[in-house]
N, C-alpha and C. Protein backbone atom coordinates (compact mmCIF):
# COMPACT_ATOMS: atom_id res chain seq x y z
N MET A 1 83.58 24.03 143.17
CA MET A 1 83.87 22.69 142.69
C MET A 1 83.25 22.45 141.32
N PHE A 2 81.98 22.88 141.16
CA PHE A 2 81.31 22.70 139.87
C PHE A 2 82.01 23.50 138.78
N LYS A 3 82.47 24.70 139.14
CA LYS A 3 83.19 25.53 138.17
C LYS A 3 84.48 24.86 137.74
N GLU A 4 85.20 24.26 138.68
CA GLU A 4 86.44 23.56 138.34
C GLU A 4 86.16 22.35 137.45
N TRP A 5 85.05 21.66 137.73
CA TRP A 5 84.69 20.49 136.91
C TRP A 5 84.39 20.92 135.48
N ARG A 6 83.64 22.02 135.32
CA ARG A 6 83.34 22.51 133.97
C ARG A 6 84.62 22.95 133.26
N HIS A 7 85.55 23.53 134.03
CA HIS A 7 86.82 23.96 133.45
C HIS A 7 87.60 22.76 132.92
N ARG A 8 87.65 21.69 133.70
CA ARG A 8 88.36 20.48 133.27
C ARG A 8 87.69 19.86 132.05
N ARG A 9 86.36 19.84 132.04
CA ARG A 9 85.64 19.29 130.90
C ARG A 9 85.95 20.07 129.63
N ALA A 10 86.01 21.40 129.76
CA ALA A 10 86.30 22.25 128.60
C ALA A 10 87.70 21.98 128.07
N VAL A 11 88.67 21.80 128.97
CA VAL A 11 90.03 21.50 128.55
C VAL A 11 90.08 20.16 127.83
N GLN A 12 89.32 19.19 128.31
CA GLN A 12 89.31 17.86 127.70
C GLN A 12 88.69 17.86 126.31
N ARG A 13 87.85 18.86 126.01
CA ARG A 13 87.22 18.93 124.69
C ARG A 13 88.15 19.45 123.61
N VAL A 14 89.28 20.01 123.99
CA VAL A 14 90.20 20.60 123.02
C VAL A 14 90.81 19.51 122.14
N LYS A 15 90.77 19.75 120.83
CA LYS A 15 91.36 18.83 119.87
C LYS A 15 92.53 19.50 119.17
N PRO A 16 93.54 18.72 118.78
CA PRO A 16 94.71 19.32 118.11
C PRO A 16 94.33 19.89 116.74
N GLY A 17 95.05 20.93 116.34
CA GLY A 17 94.79 21.56 115.05
C GLY A 17 95.47 20.83 113.91
N ASP A 18 95.17 21.29 112.69
CA ASP A 18 95.71 20.62 111.51
C ASP A 18 96.83 21.43 110.83
N GLY A 19 97.21 22.55 111.44
CA GLY A 19 98.33 23.32 110.91
C GLY A 19 98.00 24.25 109.76
N ARG A 20 96.74 24.37 109.39
CA ARG A 20 96.40 25.25 108.27
C ARG A 20 96.65 26.72 108.65
N PRO A 21 96.91 27.56 107.66
CA PRO A 21 97.20 28.97 107.97
C PRO A 21 95.94 29.74 108.35
N LEU A 22 96.13 30.78 109.14
CA LEU A 22 95.03 31.66 109.53
C LEU A 22 94.68 32.58 108.37
N LYS A 23 93.40 32.62 108.01
CA LYS A 23 92.96 33.47 106.91
C LYS A 23 92.75 34.91 107.39
N ARG A 24 93.01 35.84 106.49
CA ARG A 24 92.81 37.25 106.81
C ARG A 24 91.33 37.52 107.09
N PHE A 25 91.11 38.52 107.93
CA PHE A 25 89.74 38.93 108.21
C PHE A 25 89.25 39.82 107.08
N ARG A 26 88.09 39.49 106.52
CA ARG A 26 87.50 40.26 105.43
C ARG A 26 86.34 41.11 105.96
N TRP A 27 86.11 42.25 105.33
CA TRP A 27 85.11 43.19 105.83
C TRP A 27 83.71 42.59 105.85
N TRP A 28 83.42 41.68 104.92
CA TRP A 28 82.07 41.11 104.86
C TRP A 28 81.83 40.07 105.96
N GLN A 29 82.85 39.77 106.75
CA GLN A 29 82.71 38.80 107.84
C GLN A 29 82.42 39.45 109.19
N MET A 30 82.19 40.76 109.20
CA MET A 30 82.07 41.47 110.47
C MET A 30 80.92 40.97 111.34
N LEU A 31 79.84 40.50 110.74
CA LEU A 31 78.69 40.03 111.52
C LEU A 31 78.71 38.52 111.76
N THR A 32 79.67 37.83 111.18
CA THR A 32 79.67 36.36 111.29
C THR A 32 80.96 35.79 111.87
N ARG A 33 81.96 36.64 112.09
CA ARG A 33 83.25 36.12 112.54
C ARG A 33 83.86 37.05 113.58
N ALA A 34 84.51 36.44 114.56
CA ALA A 34 85.26 37.20 115.57
C ALA A 34 86.70 36.70 115.57
N LEU A 35 87.64 37.63 115.65
CA LEU A 35 89.06 37.28 115.62
C LEU A 35 89.79 38.12 116.66
N PHE A 36 90.43 37.45 117.61
CA PHE A 36 91.16 38.11 118.69
C PHE A 36 92.60 37.61 118.73
N HIS A 37 93.50 38.47 119.22
CA HIS A 37 94.92 38.14 119.23
C HIS A 37 95.50 38.27 120.64
N LEU A 38 96.55 37.49 120.88
CA LEU A 38 97.25 37.50 122.16
C LEU A 38 98.73 37.27 121.92
N ARG A 39 99.55 38.18 122.43
CA ARG A 39 101.00 38.05 122.30
C ARG A 39 101.60 37.70 123.66
N LEU A 40 102.36 36.61 123.69
CA LEU A 40 103.00 36.15 124.92
C LEU A 40 104.47 35.86 124.64
N MET A 41 105.25 35.78 125.71
CA MET A 41 106.66 35.41 125.62
C MET A 41 106.83 34.01 126.19
N ASN A 42 107.56 33.17 125.47
CA ASN A 42 107.81 31.83 125.99
C ASN A 42 109.01 31.85 126.94
N ASP A 43 109.40 30.69 127.41
CA ASP A 43 110.45 30.62 128.44
C ASP A 43 111.81 31.12 127.96
N ASP A 44 112.08 31.01 126.66
CA ASP A 44 113.38 31.46 126.16
C ASP A 44 113.34 32.88 125.59
N GLY A 45 112.23 33.61 125.87
CA GLY A 45 112.14 35.00 125.47
C GLY A 45 111.61 35.25 124.08
N ARG A 46 111.19 34.20 123.38
CA ARG A 46 110.66 34.38 122.03
C ARG A 46 109.18 34.73 122.10
N GLN A 47 108.76 35.66 121.25
CA GLN A 47 107.35 36.07 121.23
C GLN A 47 106.49 35.02 120.54
N MET A 48 105.36 34.71 121.15
CA MET A 48 104.39 33.78 120.58
C MET A 48 103.10 34.56 120.33
N VAL A 49 102.54 34.39 119.15
CA VAL A 49 101.31 35.10 118.78
C VAL A 49 100.18 34.10 118.65
N TYR A 50 99.22 34.19 119.56
CA TYR A 50 98.03 33.36 119.50
C TYR A 50 96.89 34.14 118.86
N ALA A 51 95.98 33.43 118.23
CA ALA A 51 94.78 34.05 117.67
C ALA A 51 93.60 33.12 117.92
N VAL A 52 92.48 33.71 118.32
CA VAL A 52 91.24 32.96 118.51
C VAL A 52 90.28 33.36 117.41
N ASP A 53 89.84 32.39 116.63
CA ASP A 53 88.97 32.63 115.48
C ASP A 53 87.65 31.90 115.71
N VAL A 54 86.56 32.65 115.70
CA VAL A 54 85.23 32.07 115.92
C VAL A 54 84.30 32.53 114.80
N LYS A 55 83.72 31.58 114.10
CA LYS A 55 82.72 31.88 113.06
C LYS A 55 81.36 31.56 113.65
N HIS A 56 80.59 32.61 113.94
CA HIS A 56 79.33 32.44 114.66
C HIS A 56 78.31 31.62 113.88
N GLN A 57 78.27 31.77 112.58
CA GLN A 57 77.24 31.11 111.77
C GLN A 57 77.67 29.73 111.28
N ASN A 58 78.90 29.36 111.53
CA ASN A 58 79.41 28.07 111.05
C ASN A 58 79.23 27.01 112.13
N ALA A 59 77.98 26.56 112.30
CA ALA A 59 77.65 25.60 113.35
C ALA A 59 76.98 24.38 112.75
N SER A 60 77.65 23.76 111.78
CA SER A 60 77.07 22.60 111.09
C SER A 60 76.86 21.42 112.03
N ASP A 61 77.65 21.34 113.11
CA ASP A 61 77.51 20.25 114.06
C ASP A 61 76.52 20.57 115.18
N GLY A 62 75.86 21.71 115.08
CA GLY A 62 74.90 22.09 116.11
C GLY A 62 75.48 22.95 117.20
N TYR A 63 76.75 23.30 117.11
CA TYR A 63 77.38 24.16 118.10
C TYR A 63 78.48 24.98 117.43
N VAL A 64 78.85 26.06 118.09
CA VAL A 64 79.88 26.95 117.57
C VAL A 64 81.25 26.46 118.01
N LYS A 65 82.22 26.52 117.11
CA LYS A 65 83.58 26.11 117.42
C LYS A 65 84.49 27.33 117.52
N ALA A 66 85.45 27.24 118.42
CA ALA A 66 86.51 28.24 118.52
C ALA A 66 87.81 27.58 118.06
N HIS A 67 88.57 28.31 117.27
CA HIS A 67 89.83 27.79 116.74
C HIS A 67 90.99 28.62 117.28
N LEU A 68 92.01 27.94 117.76
CA LEU A 68 93.19 28.61 118.28
C LEU A 68 94.34 28.46 117.29
N TYR A 69 94.95 29.59 116.94
CA TYR A 69 96.10 29.60 116.04
C TYR A 69 97.33 30.05 116.82
N LEU A 70 98.45 29.45 116.49
CA LEU A 70 99.73 29.82 117.10
C LEU A 70 100.70 30.19 115.99
N ASP A 71 101.16 31.44 116.02
CA ASP A 71 102.07 31.96 115.00
C ASP A 71 101.52 31.72 113.59
N GLY A 72 100.22 31.95 113.44
CA GLY A 72 99.59 31.88 112.13
C GLY A 72 99.18 30.51 111.67
N ARG A 73 99.34 29.48 112.51
CA ARG A 73 98.98 28.12 112.13
C ARG A 73 97.95 27.55 113.10
N HIS A 74 97.04 26.74 112.53
CA HIS A 74 95.96 26.16 113.33
C HIS A 74 96.55 25.23 114.39
N HIS A 75 96.33 25.59 115.65
CA HIS A 75 96.97 24.88 116.76
C HIS A 75 96.01 23.96 117.51
N ALA A 76 94.74 24.39 117.67
CA ALA A 76 93.76 23.60 118.41
C ALA A 76 92.37 24.11 118.09
N GLU A 77 91.36 23.30 118.43
CA GLU A 77 89.97 23.71 118.25
C GLU A 77 89.11 23.07 119.33
N SER A 78 87.98 23.70 119.59
CA SER A 78 87.07 23.19 120.61
C SER A 78 85.71 23.84 120.43
N ARG A 79 84.67 23.13 120.82
CA ARG A 79 83.36 23.76 120.87
C ARG A 79 83.35 24.75 122.04
N VAL A 80 82.52 25.76 121.93
CA VAL A 80 82.42 26.73 123.02
C VAL A 80 81.33 26.30 124.00
N PRO A 81 81.53 26.60 125.30
CA PRO A 81 82.65 27.33 125.88
C PRO A 81 83.94 26.53 125.81
N ALA A 82 85.02 27.24 125.46
CA ALA A 82 86.30 26.59 125.23
C ALA A 82 87.34 27.10 126.21
N VAL A 83 88.25 26.22 126.59
CA VAL A 83 89.39 26.58 127.44
C VAL A 83 90.63 25.99 126.79
N PHE A 84 91.47 26.86 126.22
CA PHE A 84 92.68 26.43 125.53
C PHE A 84 93.90 26.62 126.42
N PRO A 85 94.66 25.56 126.69
CA PRO A 85 95.93 25.74 127.41
C PRO A 85 96.93 26.49 126.52
N VAL A 86 97.52 27.55 127.05
CA VAL A 86 98.53 28.32 126.34
C VAL A 86 99.69 28.59 127.29
N GLN A 87 100.69 29.28 126.80
CA GLN A 87 101.86 29.60 127.61
C GLN A 87 101.45 30.40 128.84
N GLY A 88 101.70 29.85 130.02
CA GLY A 88 101.46 30.58 131.27
C GLY A 88 100.03 30.62 131.75
N GLY A 89 99.12 29.91 131.09
CA GLY A 89 97.73 29.95 131.54
C GLY A 89 96.79 29.33 130.53
N THR A 90 95.61 29.90 130.41
CA THR A 90 94.60 29.40 129.47
C THR A 90 93.91 30.57 128.79
N VAL A 91 93.32 30.29 127.64
CA VAL A 91 92.46 31.25 126.95
C VAL A 91 91.03 30.71 127.03
N GLU A 92 90.13 31.51 127.60
CA GLU A 92 88.74 31.09 127.78
C GLU A 92 87.86 31.83 126.77
N VAL A 93 87.01 31.07 126.10
CA VAL A 93 86.13 31.63 125.07
C VAL A 93 84.70 31.18 125.34
N LYS A 94 83.80 32.15 125.44
CA LYS A 94 82.38 31.85 125.62
C LYS A 94 81.58 32.69 124.63
N ALA A 95 80.50 32.11 124.13
CA ALA A 95 79.67 32.79 123.13
C ALA A 95 78.25 32.96 123.64
N SER A 96 77.58 33.95 123.10
CA SER A 96 76.15 34.15 123.34
C SER A 96 75.44 34.12 122.00
N GLY A 97 74.17 34.41 122.00
CA GLY A 97 73.43 34.43 120.75
C GLY A 97 73.75 35.62 119.87
N PHE A 98 74.59 36.54 120.37
CA PHE A 98 74.87 37.77 119.64
C PHE A 98 76.35 37.96 119.34
N GLY A 99 77.17 37.02 119.74
CA GLY A 99 78.61 37.14 119.52
C GLY A 99 79.35 36.49 120.67
N LEU A 100 80.51 37.03 120.99
CA LEU A 100 81.27 36.50 122.12
C LEU A 100 80.95 37.29 123.38
N LYS A 101 80.90 36.58 124.49
CA LYS A 101 80.74 37.26 125.77
C LYS A 101 81.99 37.13 126.63
N ARG A 102 82.95 36.33 126.15
CA ARG A 102 84.21 36.21 126.87
C ARG A 102 85.29 35.70 125.93
N CYS A 103 86.44 36.36 125.95
CA CYS A 103 87.62 35.91 125.21
C CYS A 103 88.82 36.46 125.97
N HIS A 104 89.21 35.75 127.02
CA HIS A 104 90.19 36.25 127.98
C HIS A 104 91.35 35.28 128.18
N TYR A 105 92.49 35.86 128.45
CA TYR A 105 93.67 35.10 128.86
C TYR A 105 93.70 35.09 130.38
N VAL A 106 93.71 33.89 130.96
CA VAL A 106 93.72 33.73 132.41
C VAL A 106 95.06 33.11 132.80
N THR A 107 95.84 33.83 133.56
CA THR A 107 97.16 33.33 133.96
C THR A 107 97.02 32.24 135.02
N ALA A 108 98.11 31.55 135.26
CA ALA A 108 98.12 30.50 136.28
C ALA A 108 97.85 31.08 137.67
N GLU A 109 98.14 32.37 137.86
CA GLU A 109 97.89 33.02 139.15
C GLU A 109 96.46 33.53 139.28
N GLY A 110 95.69 33.48 138.18
CA GLY A 110 94.30 33.90 138.23
C GLY A 110 94.01 35.27 137.65
N SER A 111 95.02 35.99 137.19
CA SER A 111 94.79 37.30 136.57
C SER A 111 94.15 37.11 135.20
N GLU A 112 93.29 38.06 134.81
CA GLU A 112 92.57 37.96 133.55
C GLU A 112 92.85 39.16 132.66
N PHE A 113 93.00 38.89 131.36
CA PHE A 113 93.23 39.95 130.39
C PHE A 113 92.44 39.63 129.13
N GLN A 114 91.65 40.61 128.68
CA GLN A 114 90.89 40.39 127.45
C GLN A 114 91.82 40.42 126.25
N LEU A 115 91.60 39.50 125.32
CA LEU A 115 92.41 39.48 124.10
C LEU A 115 92.10 40.71 123.25
N VAL A 116 93.01 41.04 122.36
CA VAL A 116 92.88 42.23 121.52
C VAL A 116 92.15 41.86 120.23
N PRO A 117 91.03 42.52 119.93
CA PRO A 117 90.31 42.19 118.70
C PRO A 117 91.08 42.62 117.46
N ASP A 118 90.91 41.87 116.38
CA ASP A 118 91.53 42.23 115.12
C ASP A 118 91.00 43.59 114.65
N PRO A 119 91.87 44.48 114.19
CA PRO A 119 91.41 45.82 113.79
C PRO A 119 90.33 45.81 112.72
N ALA A 120 90.31 44.79 111.85
CA ALA A 120 89.33 44.74 110.77
C ALA A 120 87.99 44.19 111.22
N SER A 121 87.93 43.57 112.40
CA SER A 121 86.69 42.95 112.87
C SER A 121 85.74 44.00 113.42
N ALA A 122 84.48 43.60 113.61
CA ALA A 122 83.50 44.52 114.19
C ALA A 122 83.90 44.91 115.60
N GLU A 123 84.43 43.94 116.36
CA GLU A 123 84.89 44.24 117.72
C GLU A 123 86.05 45.23 117.70
N GLY A 124 86.96 45.05 116.74
CA GLY A 124 88.09 45.97 116.63
C GLY A 124 87.66 47.37 116.24
N ARG A 125 86.70 47.47 115.35
CA ARG A 125 86.18 48.78 114.95
C ARG A 125 85.46 49.46 116.11
N ARG A 126 84.78 48.65 116.94
CA ARG A 126 84.09 49.22 118.11
C ARG A 126 85.11 49.77 119.11
N VAL A 127 86.22 49.06 119.29
CA VAL A 127 87.28 49.55 120.18
C VAL A 127 87.86 50.85 119.64
N ARG A 128 88.09 50.92 118.35
CA ARG A 128 88.63 52.13 117.73
C ARG A 128 87.67 53.30 117.88
N PHE A 129 86.37 53.02 117.74
CA PHE A 129 85.37 54.07 117.92
C PHE A 129 85.37 54.58 119.36
N GLU A 130 85.52 53.66 120.31
CA GLU A 130 85.54 54.05 121.72
C GLU A 130 86.74 54.94 122.03
N ARG A 131 87.87 54.65 121.41
CA ARG A 131 89.06 55.47 121.65
C ARG A 131 88.93 56.84 121.00
N SER A 132 88.29 56.89 119.84
CA SER A 132 88.15 58.15 119.12
C SER A 132 87.04 59.03 119.69
N HIS A 133 85.98 58.40 120.18
CA HIS A 133 84.82 59.14 120.70
C HIS A 133 84.39 58.54 122.03
N PRO A 134 85.17 58.72 123.08
CA PRO A 134 84.86 58.05 124.36
C PRO A 134 83.52 58.47 124.97
N ALA A 135 83.19 59.75 124.89
CA ALA A 135 81.93 60.20 125.49
C ALA A 135 80.73 59.62 124.75
N LEU A 136 80.76 59.68 123.43
CA LEU A 136 79.67 59.12 122.63
C LEU A 136 79.57 57.61 122.83
N SER A 137 80.72 56.96 122.95
CA SER A 137 80.73 55.52 123.16
C SER A 137 80.05 55.15 124.48
N ARG A 138 80.32 55.94 125.53
CA ARG A 138 79.67 55.67 126.82
C ARG A 138 78.16 55.85 126.72
N TRP A 139 77.73 56.88 125.99
CA TRP A 139 76.29 57.11 125.83
C TRP A 139 75.63 55.97 125.06
N ILE A 140 76.30 55.46 124.05
CA ILE A 140 75.74 54.34 123.29
C ILE A 140 75.64 53.11 124.19
N GLY A 141 76.66 52.88 125.01
CA GLY A 141 76.61 51.75 125.94
C GLY A 141 75.49 51.89 126.94
N PHE A 142 75.30 53.12 127.45
CA PHE A 142 74.21 53.37 128.40
C PHE A 142 72.85 53.17 127.73
N LEU A 143 72.73 53.63 126.49
CA LEU A 143 71.47 53.47 125.75
C LEU A 143 71.16 51.99 125.51
N SER A 144 72.19 51.20 125.24
CA SER A 144 71.99 49.76 125.03
C SER A 144 71.41 49.11 126.28
N VAL A 145 71.97 49.47 127.43
CA VAL A 145 71.46 48.92 128.69
C VAL A 145 70.02 49.36 128.92
N LEU A 146 69.75 50.64 128.65
CA LEU A 146 68.40 51.17 128.85
C LEU A 146 67.38 50.44 127.97
N VAL A 147 67.75 50.19 126.73
CA VAL A 147 66.86 49.48 125.81
C VAL A 147 66.58 48.07 126.32
N LEU A 148 67.61 47.39 126.79
CA LEU A 148 67.44 46.02 127.26
C LEU A 148 66.62 45.95 128.54
N VAL A 149 66.81 46.91 129.43
CA VAL A 149 66.00 46.96 130.65
C VAL A 149 64.53 47.15 130.28
N GLY A 150 64.28 48.06 129.34
CA GLY A 150 62.90 48.27 128.89
C GLY A 150 62.31 47.03 128.25
N GLY A 151 63.13 46.31 127.48
CA GLY A 151 62.66 45.07 126.86
C GLY A 151 62.31 44.01 127.88
N VAL A 152 63.12 43.90 128.94
CA VAL A 152 62.84 42.91 129.99
C VAL A 152 61.56 43.27 130.74
N VAL A 153 61.39 44.55 131.05
CA VAL A 153 60.17 45.00 131.74
C VAL A 153 58.94 44.69 130.90
N LEU A 154 59.01 45.00 129.61
CA LEU A 154 57.89 44.73 128.71
C LEU A 154 57.59 43.24 128.65
N LEU A 155 58.63 42.42 128.61
CA LEU A 155 58.44 40.97 128.56
C LEU A 155 57.75 40.46 129.83
N ILE A 156 58.16 40.98 130.98
CA ILE A 156 57.55 40.57 132.24
C ILE A 156 56.08 40.94 132.28
N LEU A 157 55.75 42.15 131.82
CA LEU A 157 54.35 42.59 131.79
C LEU A 157 53.51 41.70 130.88
N GLN A 158 54.04 41.37 129.72
CA GLN A 158 53.29 40.54 128.78
C GLN A 158 53.11 39.12 129.32
N LEU A 159 54.15 38.58 129.96
CA LEU A 159 54.04 37.24 130.53
C LEU A 159 53.03 37.21 131.67
N ALA A 160 53.04 38.26 132.51
CA ALA A 160 52.09 38.31 133.61
C ALA A 160 50.65 38.35 133.09
N GLU A 161 50.43 39.07 132.00
CA GLU A 161 49.09 39.14 131.42
C GLU A 161 48.68 37.78 130.85
N GLN A 162 49.61 37.11 130.19
CA GLN A 162 49.30 35.80 129.62
C GLN A 162 48.99 34.77 130.70
N VAL A 163 49.78 34.78 131.77
CA VAL A 163 49.62 33.78 132.83
C VAL A 163 48.28 33.95 133.56
N THR A 164 47.84 35.19 133.73
CA THR A 164 46.60 35.44 134.49
C THR A 164 45.38 35.60 133.60
N ARG A 165 45.50 35.26 132.33
CA ARG A 165 44.37 35.46 131.41
C ARG A 165 43.25 34.46 131.68
N ASP A 166 43.59 33.22 131.98
CA ASP A 166 42.58 32.17 132.20
C ASP A 166 41.99 32.31 133.60
N PRO A 167 40.68 32.62 133.72
CA PRO A 167 40.08 32.82 135.05
C PRO A 167 40.05 31.55 135.89
N GLU A 168 40.16 30.38 135.26
CA GLU A 168 40.15 29.13 136.01
C GLU A 168 41.56 28.62 136.33
N GLY A 169 42.54 29.37 135.92
CA GLY A 169 43.91 28.97 136.16
C GLY A 169 44.53 29.76 137.30
N PHE A 170 45.69 30.32 137.02
CA PHE A 170 46.43 31.05 138.05
C PHE A 170 45.69 32.29 138.52
N ALA A 171 44.81 32.81 137.67
CA ALA A 171 44.10 34.05 138.00
C ALA A 171 43.19 33.89 139.20
N GLN A 172 42.68 32.69 139.47
CA GLN A 172 41.78 32.51 140.60
C GLN A 172 42.48 32.69 141.94
N TYR A 173 43.81 32.69 141.92
CA TYR A 173 44.57 32.87 143.16
C TYR A 173 45.11 34.30 143.31
N VAL A 174 45.46 34.92 142.19
CA VAL A 174 46.08 36.25 142.27
C VAL A 174 45.28 37.32 141.53
N GLY A 175 44.22 36.90 140.82
CA GLY A 175 43.46 37.86 140.03
C GLY A 175 44.07 38.04 138.65
N THR A 176 43.36 38.73 137.80
CA THR A 176 43.85 38.97 136.45
C THR A 176 44.71 40.22 136.41
N PHE A 177 45.60 40.25 135.45
CA PHE A 177 46.49 41.40 135.28
C PHE A 177 46.44 41.83 133.82
N THR A 178 46.27 43.12 133.61
CA THR A 178 46.28 43.69 132.27
C THR A 178 47.48 44.60 132.13
N SER A 179 48.32 44.31 131.16
CA SER A 179 49.52 45.11 130.97
C SER A 179 49.15 46.54 130.58
N PRO A 180 49.78 47.53 131.19
CA PRO A 180 49.50 48.92 130.82
C PRO A 180 50.06 49.29 129.44
N ILE A 181 50.89 48.42 128.89
CA ILE A 181 51.48 48.67 127.57
C ILE A 181 50.96 47.62 126.61
N ASP A 182 50.20 48.05 125.63
CA ASP A 182 49.61 47.14 124.65
C ASP A 182 50.18 47.47 123.28
N LEU A 183 51.12 46.66 122.83
CA LEU A 183 51.77 46.91 121.55
C LEU A 183 51.14 46.06 120.45
N SER A 184 51.13 46.61 119.26
CA SER A 184 50.68 45.85 118.10
C SER A 184 51.77 44.86 117.70
N ALA A 185 51.45 44.03 116.72
CA ALA A 185 52.45 43.07 116.23
C ALA A 185 53.66 43.80 115.68
N TRP A 186 53.42 44.91 114.97
CA TRP A 186 54.53 45.70 114.45
C TRP A 186 55.35 46.31 115.58
N GLY A 187 54.66 46.73 116.63
CA GLY A 187 55.37 47.31 117.78
C GLY A 187 56.26 46.29 118.46
N ASN A 188 55.75 45.07 118.64
CA ASN A 188 56.56 44.02 119.25
C ASN A 188 57.75 43.66 118.37
N THR A 189 57.53 43.67 117.05
CA THR A 189 58.64 43.39 116.13
C THR A 189 59.72 44.46 116.23
N ALA A 190 59.28 45.72 116.30
CA ALA A 190 60.24 46.82 116.41
C ALA A 190 61.03 46.73 117.71
N VAL A 191 60.34 46.42 118.81
CA VAL A 191 61.03 46.28 120.10
C VAL A 191 62.04 45.14 120.03
N GLY A 192 61.64 44.04 119.40
CA GLY A 192 62.55 42.91 119.26
C GLY A 192 63.80 43.26 118.48
N LEU A 193 63.64 43.99 117.39
CA LEU A 193 64.79 44.38 116.57
C LEU A 193 65.71 45.32 117.32
N VAL A 194 65.14 46.26 118.06
CA VAL A 194 65.95 47.21 118.81
C VAL A 194 66.73 46.52 119.92
N THR A 195 66.09 45.58 120.62
CA THR A 195 66.79 44.87 121.69
C THR A 195 67.89 43.96 121.14
N VAL A 196 67.65 43.36 119.98
CA VAL A 196 68.70 42.56 119.35
C VAL A 196 69.89 43.44 118.99
N ALA A 197 69.61 44.63 118.46
CA ALA A 197 70.69 45.56 118.12
C ALA A 197 71.46 45.97 119.37
N ALA A 198 70.75 46.19 120.47
CA ALA A 198 71.41 46.59 121.72
C ALA A 198 72.31 45.47 122.25
N SER A 199 71.82 44.23 122.21
CA SER A 199 72.64 43.11 122.68
C SER A 199 73.83 42.87 121.76
N THR A 200 73.64 43.09 120.47
CA THR A 200 74.76 42.95 119.53
C THR A 200 75.82 43.99 119.80
N GLU A 201 75.40 45.22 120.09
CA GLU A 201 76.36 46.28 120.41
C GLU A 201 77.14 45.92 121.66
N ARG A 202 76.47 45.36 122.65
CA ARG A 202 77.16 44.96 123.88
C ARG A 202 78.12 43.80 123.63
N ALA A 203 77.72 42.88 122.74
CA ALA A 203 78.59 41.75 122.42
C ALA A 203 79.88 42.21 121.75
N LEU A 204 79.82 43.30 121.01
CA LEU A 204 81.03 43.83 120.38
C LEU A 204 82.04 44.28 121.42
N ARG A 205 81.56 44.58 122.63
CA ARG A 205 82.44 44.97 123.73
C ARG A 205 82.60 43.84 124.75
N LEU A 206 82.13 42.64 124.38
CA LEU A 206 82.18 41.46 125.24
C LEU A 206 81.48 41.73 126.57
N ARG A 207 80.34 42.41 126.49
CA ARG A 207 79.50 42.65 127.66
C ARG A 207 78.31 41.70 127.60
N TYR A 208 77.98 41.12 128.75
CA TYR A 208 76.87 40.16 128.78
C TYR A 208 76.31 40.09 130.19
N HIS A 209 74.98 40.07 130.28
CA HIS A 209 74.29 39.85 131.54
C HIS A 209 73.20 38.82 131.30
N TRP A 210 73.12 37.84 132.17
CA TRP A 210 72.21 36.71 131.95
C TRP A 210 70.75 37.15 131.81
N LEU A 211 70.35 38.22 132.53
CA LEU A 211 68.96 38.66 132.46
C LEU A 211 68.72 39.57 131.27
N LEU A 212 69.60 40.56 131.08
CA LEU A 212 69.39 41.53 130.00
C LEU A 212 69.60 40.89 128.63
N ASP A 213 70.78 40.37 128.40
CA ASP A 213 71.10 39.80 127.09
C ASP A 213 70.53 38.39 126.94
N GLY A 214 70.51 37.63 128.03
CA GLY A 214 69.96 36.29 127.97
C GLY A 214 68.46 36.30 127.75
N GLY A 215 67.78 37.31 128.32
CA GLY A 215 66.34 37.42 128.12
C GLY A 215 65.97 37.69 126.68
N VAL A 216 66.84 38.45 125.99
CA VAL A 216 66.60 38.74 124.58
C VAL A 216 66.90 37.53 123.73
N GLY A 217 68.02 36.84 124.07
CA GLY A 217 68.44 35.70 123.26
C GLY A 217 67.60 34.48 123.50
């Protein structure tokens, strides 16, 4: 019930577009913009081309907006998470601190299909790399998960040490805890950068886990 309520709220947030043309994806936008495409057939057999355009850094109102284009023209916009009504279903868009975590076409019957990333985008280049080097791509994905698991474990150890540091606080009930891993400031910075890179790599594949990626973000 709560999920349905959130879905209805997201649909109600959609505003009509202004008809402006969709701009080409430029190479320097790879870290700040996501562009996905969806081709559908309408009732009379004509092909309709939808595009979802999200500029991650363009949040002047305090939130990220997703823009829906139809046949190259601005059709609708909404803050994320967004649910755009389209032919035969909806397009759902969700963002994380590292990119998109969902950009799917959901049919009226409930089937889901991920939209196709623009070939020039970072997501599109990641898909092309996966097709060209599937084994290496799987290893990179596995390494990203491994890095994030290590980051979460390190965070838990550091939090446990901080919580039990005061002998008159929580420590009087459970005792003090000293983390077996003691990193310098530079070490913590390096771990932070590596985990951000791992979550960014996963976001390029629209992969997200609330504990792994959410803990970093």
